[in-house]
N, C-alpha and C. Protein backbone atom coordinates (compact mmCIF):
# COMPACT_ATOMS: atom_id res chain seq x y z
N UNK A 1 0.82 -1.19 0.00
CA UNK A 1 0.00 0.00 0.00
C UNK A 1 0.86 1.26 0.00
N UNK A 2 1.99 1.18 0.68
CA UNK A 2 2.89 2.33 0.70
C UNK A 2 3.45 2.63 -0.69
N UNK A 3 3.66 1.59 -1.49
CA UNK A 3 4.16 1.80 -2.85
C UNK A 3 3.14 2.55 -3.70
N UNK A 4 1.87 2.21 -3.56
CA UNK A 4 0.82 2.90 -4.32
C UNK A 4 0.70 4.34 -3.86
N UNK A 5 0.74 4.56 -2.55
CA UNK A 5 0.66 5.92 -2.02
C UNK A 5 1.85 6.76 -2.46
N UNK A 6 3.02 6.17 -2.46
CA UNK A 6 4.22 6.88 -2.90
C UNK A 6 4.13 7.22 -4.38
N UNK A 7 3.66 6.27 -5.21
CA UNK A 7 3.50 6.53 -6.63
C UNK A 7 2.49 7.65 -6.87
N UNK A 8 1.35 7.59 -6.16
CA UNK A 8 0.31 8.61 -6.33
C UNK A 8 0.83 9.98 -5.91
N UNK A 9 1.60 10.06 -4.84
CA UNK A 9 2.19 11.34 -4.42
C UNK A 9 3.10 11.89 -5.51
N UNK A 10 3.88 11.01 -6.14
CA UNK A 10 4.76 11.45 -7.23
C UNK A 10 3.97 11.99 -8.41
N UNK A 11 2.86 11.33 -8.75
CA UNK A 11 2.01 11.79 -9.85
C UNK A 11 1.41 13.15 -9.51
N UNK A 12 0.92 13.30 -8.30
CA UNK A 12 0.33 14.58 -7.88
C UNK A 12 1.37 15.70 -7.95
N UNK A 13 2.57 15.43 -7.46
CA UNK A 13 3.61 16.45 -7.50
C UNK A 13 4.00 16.79 -8.93
N UNK A 14 4.04 15.79 -9.81
CA UNK A 14 4.38 16.06 -11.21
C UNK A 14 3.31 16.94 -11.86
N UNK A 15 2.02 16.61 -11.61
CA UNK A 15 0.94 17.42 -12.19
C UNK A 15 0.94 18.82 -11.60
N UNK A 16 1.16 18.94 -10.31
CA UNK A 16 1.17 20.26 -9.67
C UNK A 16 2.34 21.11 -10.16
N UNK A 17 3.41 20.48 -10.60
CA UNK A 17 4.57 21.23 -11.09
C UNK A 17 4.44 21.71 -12.52
N UNK A 18 3.45 21.21 -13.24
CA UNK A 18 3.24 21.64 -14.63
C UNK A 18 2.59 23.02 -14.67
N UNK A 19 2.80 23.76 -15.76
CA UNK A 19 2.05 25.01 -15.95
C UNK A 19 0.55 24.70 -16.09
N UNK A 20 -0.27 25.74 -15.99
CA UNK A 20 -1.72 25.56 -15.91
C UNK A 20 -2.31 24.82 -17.11
N UNK A 21 -1.99 25.24 -18.31
CA UNK A 21 -2.60 24.63 -19.50
C UNK A 21 -2.25 23.15 -19.62
N UNK A 22 -0.98 22.76 -19.46
CA UNK A 22 -0.70 21.31 -19.48
C UNK A 22 -1.38 20.56 -18.33
N UNK A 23 -1.52 21.20 -17.16
CA UNK A 23 -2.25 20.56 -16.06
C UNK A 23 -3.67 20.22 -16.49
N UNK A 24 -4.34 21.21 -17.09
CA UNK A 24 -5.72 21.00 -17.52
C UNK A 24 -5.78 19.89 -18.57
N UNK A 25 -4.85 19.92 -19.52
CA UNK A 25 -4.84 18.91 -20.57
C UNK A 25 -4.63 17.50 -20.00
N UNK A 26 -3.68 17.36 -19.08
CA UNK A 26 -3.40 16.05 -18.49
C UNK A 26 -4.59 15.57 -17.66
N UNK A 27 -5.15 16.45 -16.87
CA UNK A 27 -6.28 16.07 -16.03
C UNK A 27 -7.48 15.68 -16.89
N UNK A 28 -7.77 16.45 -17.94
CA UNK A 28 -8.89 16.12 -18.81
C UNK A 28 -8.65 14.81 -19.56
N UNK A 29 -7.42 14.58 -19.97
CA UNK A 29 -7.11 13.35 -20.69
C UNK A 29 -7.28 12.12 -19.81
N UNK A 30 -7.16 12.30 -18.50
CA UNK A 30 -7.29 11.17 -17.58
C UNK A 30 -8.70 11.13 -16.97
N UNK A 31 -9.21 12.28 -16.53
CA UNK A 31 -10.46 12.31 -15.78
C UNK A 31 -11.67 12.02 -16.66
N UNK A 32 -11.73 12.58 -17.86
CA UNK A 32 -12.90 12.37 -18.72
C UNK A 32 -13.07 10.89 -19.08
N UNK A 33 -12.03 10.21 -19.58
CA UNK A 33 -12.22 8.78 -19.85
C UNK A 33 -12.50 7.95 -18.59
N UNK A 34 -11.85 8.30 -17.48
CA UNK A 34 -12.10 7.56 -16.24
C UNK A 34 -13.54 7.76 -15.78
N UNK A 35 -14.05 8.98 -15.88
CA UNK A 35 -15.44 9.23 -15.49
C UNK A 35 -16.41 8.49 -16.40
N UNK A 36 -16.10 8.42 -17.69
CA UNK A 36 -16.95 7.69 -18.62
C UNK A 36 -16.97 6.20 -18.29
N UNK A 37 -15.82 5.64 -17.98
CA UNK A 37 -15.75 4.22 -17.62
C UNK A 37 -16.53 3.96 -16.33
N UNK A 38 -16.36 4.82 -15.34
CA UNK A 38 -17.09 4.66 -14.07
C UNK A 38 -18.59 4.76 -14.31
N UNK A 39 -19.03 5.69 -15.16
CA UNK A 39 -20.46 5.85 -15.44
C UNK A 39 -21.03 4.61 -16.13
N UNK A 40 -20.31 4.06 -17.10
CA UNK A 40 -20.79 2.87 -17.81
C UNK A 40 -20.85 1.68 -16.86
N UNK A 41 -19.83 1.49 -16.06
CA UNK A 41 -19.82 0.37 -15.10
C UNK A 41 -20.95 0.53 -14.09
N UNK A 42 -21.14 1.73 -13.57
CA UNK A 42 -22.22 1.97 -12.61
C UNK A 42 -23.58 1.71 -13.25
N UNK A 43 -23.75 2.11 -14.50
CA UNK A 43 -25.01 1.89 -15.20
C UNK A 43 -25.29 0.40 -15.35
N UNK A 44 -24.30 -0.36 -15.76
CA UNK A 44 -24.49 -1.80 -15.95
C UNK A 44 -24.79 -2.49 -14.62
N UNK A 45 -24.01 -2.17 -13.59
CA UNK A 45 -24.20 -2.81 -12.29
C UNK A 45 -25.56 -2.45 -11.68
N UNK A 46 -25.92 -1.16 -11.70
CA UNK A 46 -27.19 -0.76 -11.12
C UNK A 46 -28.37 -1.31 -11.91
N UNK A 47 -28.26 -1.36 -13.23
CA UNK A 47 -29.34 -1.95 -14.03
C UNK A 47 -29.54 -3.42 -13.67
N UNK A 48 -28.44 -4.14 -13.52
CA UNK A 48 -28.54 -5.55 -13.14
C UNK A 48 -29.16 -5.70 -11.76
N UNK A 49 -28.75 -4.86 -10.82
CA UNK A 49 -29.31 -4.93 -9.47
C UNK A 49 -30.81 -4.61 -9.46
N UNK A 50 -31.20 -3.56 -10.18
CA UNK A 50 -32.62 -3.18 -10.21
C UNK A 50 -33.46 -4.24 -10.91
N UNK A 51 -32.92 -4.83 -11.99
CA UNK A 51 -33.66 -5.91 -12.66
C UNK A 51 -33.82 -7.11 -11.75
N UNK A 52 -32.76 -7.47 -11.03
CA UNK A 52 -32.84 -8.59 -10.10
C UNK A 52 -33.84 -8.31 -8.98
N UNK A 53 -33.81 -7.11 -8.46
CA UNK A 53 -34.75 -6.73 -7.40
C UNK A 53 -36.18 -6.75 -7.92
N UNK A 54 -36.38 -6.26 -9.14
CA UNK A 54 -37.72 -6.23 -9.72
C UNK A 54 -38.25 -7.66 -9.89
N UNK A 55 -37.39 -8.59 -10.29
CA UNK A 55 -37.82 -9.98 -10.44
C UNK A 55 -38.16 -10.59 -9.08
N UNK A 56 -37.32 -10.34 -8.08
CA UNK A 56 -37.54 -10.92 -6.75
C UNK A 56 -38.78 -10.31 -6.11
N UNK A 57 -38.92 -9.01 -6.14
CA UNK A 57 -40.06 -8.36 -5.50
C UNK A 57 -41.35 -8.74 -6.22
N UNK A 58 -41.31 -8.87 -7.53
CA UNK A 58 -42.49 -9.26 -8.27
C UNK A 58 -42.96 -10.65 -7.91
N UNK A 59 -42.05 -11.57 -7.59
CA UNK A 59 -42.42 -12.94 -7.22
C UNK A 59 -42.86 -13.04 -5.76
N UNK A 60 -42.27 -12.20 -4.91
CA UNK A 60 -42.60 -12.26 -3.48
C UNK A 60 -43.95 -11.64 -3.17
N UNK A 61 -44.41 -10.70 -3.98
CA UNK A 61 -45.66 -10.02 -3.72
C UNK A 61 -46.68 -10.45 -4.77
N UNK A 62 -47.55 -11.40 -4.41
CA UNK A 62 -48.46 -11.98 -5.40
C UNK A 62 -49.45 -10.99 -6.00
N UNK A 63 -49.82 -9.95 -5.30
CA UNK A 63 -50.79 -8.99 -5.82
C UNK A 63 -50.19 -7.95 -6.73
N UNK A 64 -48.89 -7.91 -6.84
CA UNK A 64 -48.21 -6.86 -7.61
C UNK A 64 -47.88 -7.38 -9.00
N UNK A 65 -48.15 -6.57 -10.00
CA UNK A 65 -47.81 -6.92 -11.37
C UNK A 65 -46.54 -6.17 -11.74
N UNK A 66 -45.51 -6.89 -12.12
CA UNK A 66 -44.25 -6.26 -12.49
C UNK A 66 -44.46 -5.51 -13.80
N UNK A 67 -44.05 -4.25 -13.83
CA UNK A 67 -44.18 -3.44 -15.02
C UNK A 67 -45.57 -2.84 -15.18
N UNK A 68 -46.38 -2.91 -14.13
CA UNK A 68 -47.73 -2.34 -14.21
C UNK A 68 -47.63 -0.85 -14.47
N UNK A 69 -48.47 -0.36 -15.36
CA UNK A 69 -48.45 1.07 -15.69
C UNK A 69 -48.99 1.87 -14.53
N UNK A 70 -48.28 2.90 -14.21
CA UNK A 70 -48.68 3.79 -13.13
C UNK A 70 -49.12 5.12 -13.72
N UNK A 71 -50.02 5.84 -13.06
CA UNK A 71 -50.47 7.13 -13.59
C UNK A 71 -49.28 8.06 -13.87
N UNK A 72 -49.36 8.70 -15.03
CA UNK A 72 -48.33 9.65 -15.40
C UNK A 72 -47.20 9.08 -16.22
N UNK A 73 -47.16 7.75 -16.38
CA UNK A 73 -46.09 7.13 -17.17
C UNK A 73 -46.54 6.98 -18.61
N UNK A 74 -45.67 7.35 -19.54
CA UNK A 74 -45.97 7.18 -20.95
C UNK A 74 -45.81 5.71 -21.31
N UNK A 75 -46.80 5.17 -22.03
CA UNK A 75 -46.71 3.76 -22.42
C UNK A 75 -46.82 3.64 -23.93
N UNK A 76 -46.26 2.60 -24.46
CA UNK A 76 -46.39 2.28 -25.87
C UNK A 76 -45.51 3.13 -26.75
N UNK A 77 -44.63 2.47 -27.52
CA UNK A 77 -43.77 3.21 -28.44
C UNK A 77 -44.58 3.76 -29.61
N UNK A 78 -45.65 3.06 -29.97
CA UNK A 78 -46.43 3.50 -31.12
C UNK A 78 -47.37 4.66 -30.78
N UNK A 79 -47.58 4.92 -29.49
CA UNK A 79 -48.45 6.01 -29.07
C UNK A 79 -47.75 6.86 -28.01
N UNK A 80 -46.74 7.65 -28.39
CA UNK A 80 -46.00 8.40 -27.39
C UNK A 80 -46.80 9.50 -26.72
N UNK A 81 -47.92 9.93 -27.34
CA UNK A 81 -48.69 11.01 -26.73
C UNK A 81 -49.67 10.49 -25.69
N UNK A 82 -49.88 9.17 -25.64
CA UNK A 82 -50.81 8.60 -24.67
C UNK A 82 -50.13 8.47 -23.33
N UNK A 83 -50.76 8.98 -22.30
CA UNK A 83 -50.23 8.89 -20.95
C UNK A 83 -51.26 8.19 -20.09
N UNK A 84 -50.80 7.23 -19.31
CA UNK A 84 -51.69 6.50 -18.42
C UNK A 84 -52.24 7.45 -17.37
N UNK A 85 -53.51 7.37 -17.12
CA UNK A 85 -54.12 8.21 -16.10
C UNK A 85 -54.75 9.47 -16.66
N UNK A 86 -54.72 9.65 -17.98
CA UNK A 86 -55.35 10.83 -18.57
C UNK A 86 -56.86 10.67 -18.49
N UNK A 87 -57.57 11.79 -18.45
CA UNK A 87 -59.02 11.76 -18.35
C UNK A 87 -59.68 11.52 -19.70
N UNK A 88 -59.06 11.93 -20.79
CA UNK A 88 -59.71 11.79 -22.10
C UNK A 88 -59.51 10.37 -22.63
N UNK A 89 -60.45 9.88 -23.40
CA UNK A 89 -60.31 8.54 -23.95
C UNK A 89 -59.24 8.49 -25.03
N UNK A 90 -58.77 7.29 -25.32
CA UNK A 90 -57.74 7.11 -26.34
C UNK A 90 -58.28 7.56 -27.69
N UNK A 91 -57.48 8.33 -28.42
CA UNK A 91 -57.87 8.78 -29.74
C UNK A 91 -58.65 10.08 -29.74
N UNK A 92 -58.99 10.60 -28.57
CA UNK A 92 -59.73 11.86 -28.51
C UNK A 92 -58.79 13.00 -28.85
N UNK A 93 -59.36 14.08 -29.33
CA UNK A 93 -58.56 15.26 -29.68
C UNK A 93 -58.01 15.88 -28.41
N UNK A 94 -56.80 16.45 -28.47
CA UNK A 94 -56.23 17.07 -27.28
C UNK A 94 -57.01 18.30 -26.88
N UNK A 95 -56.95 18.63 -25.60
CA UNK A 95 -57.63 19.80 -25.09
C UNK A 95 -57.05 21.05 -25.73
N UNK A 96 -57.86 22.11 -25.82
CA UNK A 96 -57.43 23.34 -26.49
C UNK A 96 -56.29 24.02 -25.78
N UNK A 97 -56.12 23.78 -24.48
CA UNK A 97 -55.07 24.44 -23.72
C UNK A 97 -53.72 23.75 -23.86
N UNK A 98 -53.71 22.51 -24.35
CA UNK A 98 -52.46 21.79 -24.50
C UNK A 98 -51.73 22.28 -25.73
N UNK A 99 -50.41 22.34 -25.63
CA UNK A 99 -49.62 22.72 -26.79
C UNK A 99 -48.85 21.50 -27.27
N UNK A 100 -48.79 21.30 -28.54
CA UNK A 100 -48.05 20.17 -29.12
C UNK A 100 -46.74 20.70 -29.65
N UNK A 101 -45.66 20.11 -29.18
CA UNK A 101 -44.33 20.54 -29.64
C UNK A 101 -43.71 19.46 -30.46
């Protein structure tokens, strides 16, 4: 562990000794790819955990339907303007106060 700490101290001192513009360039060249890798790994791990939890919770609770539409959630790729829980029937014209963008 001391070897890693010593190496890291040397890297920090080397970066701190550089002029400002090279410091920014070195930090961006290292931090941006590292942040992207961390984000992708976190996304994969959390997606797997949430999917596993959703499967387990859905089986443990017999009255619950996994993926059940909740009010306010958009459903259906073919009907992106349809929102679950709306008062108007499907296919009805939008209210005059709504704006379509």
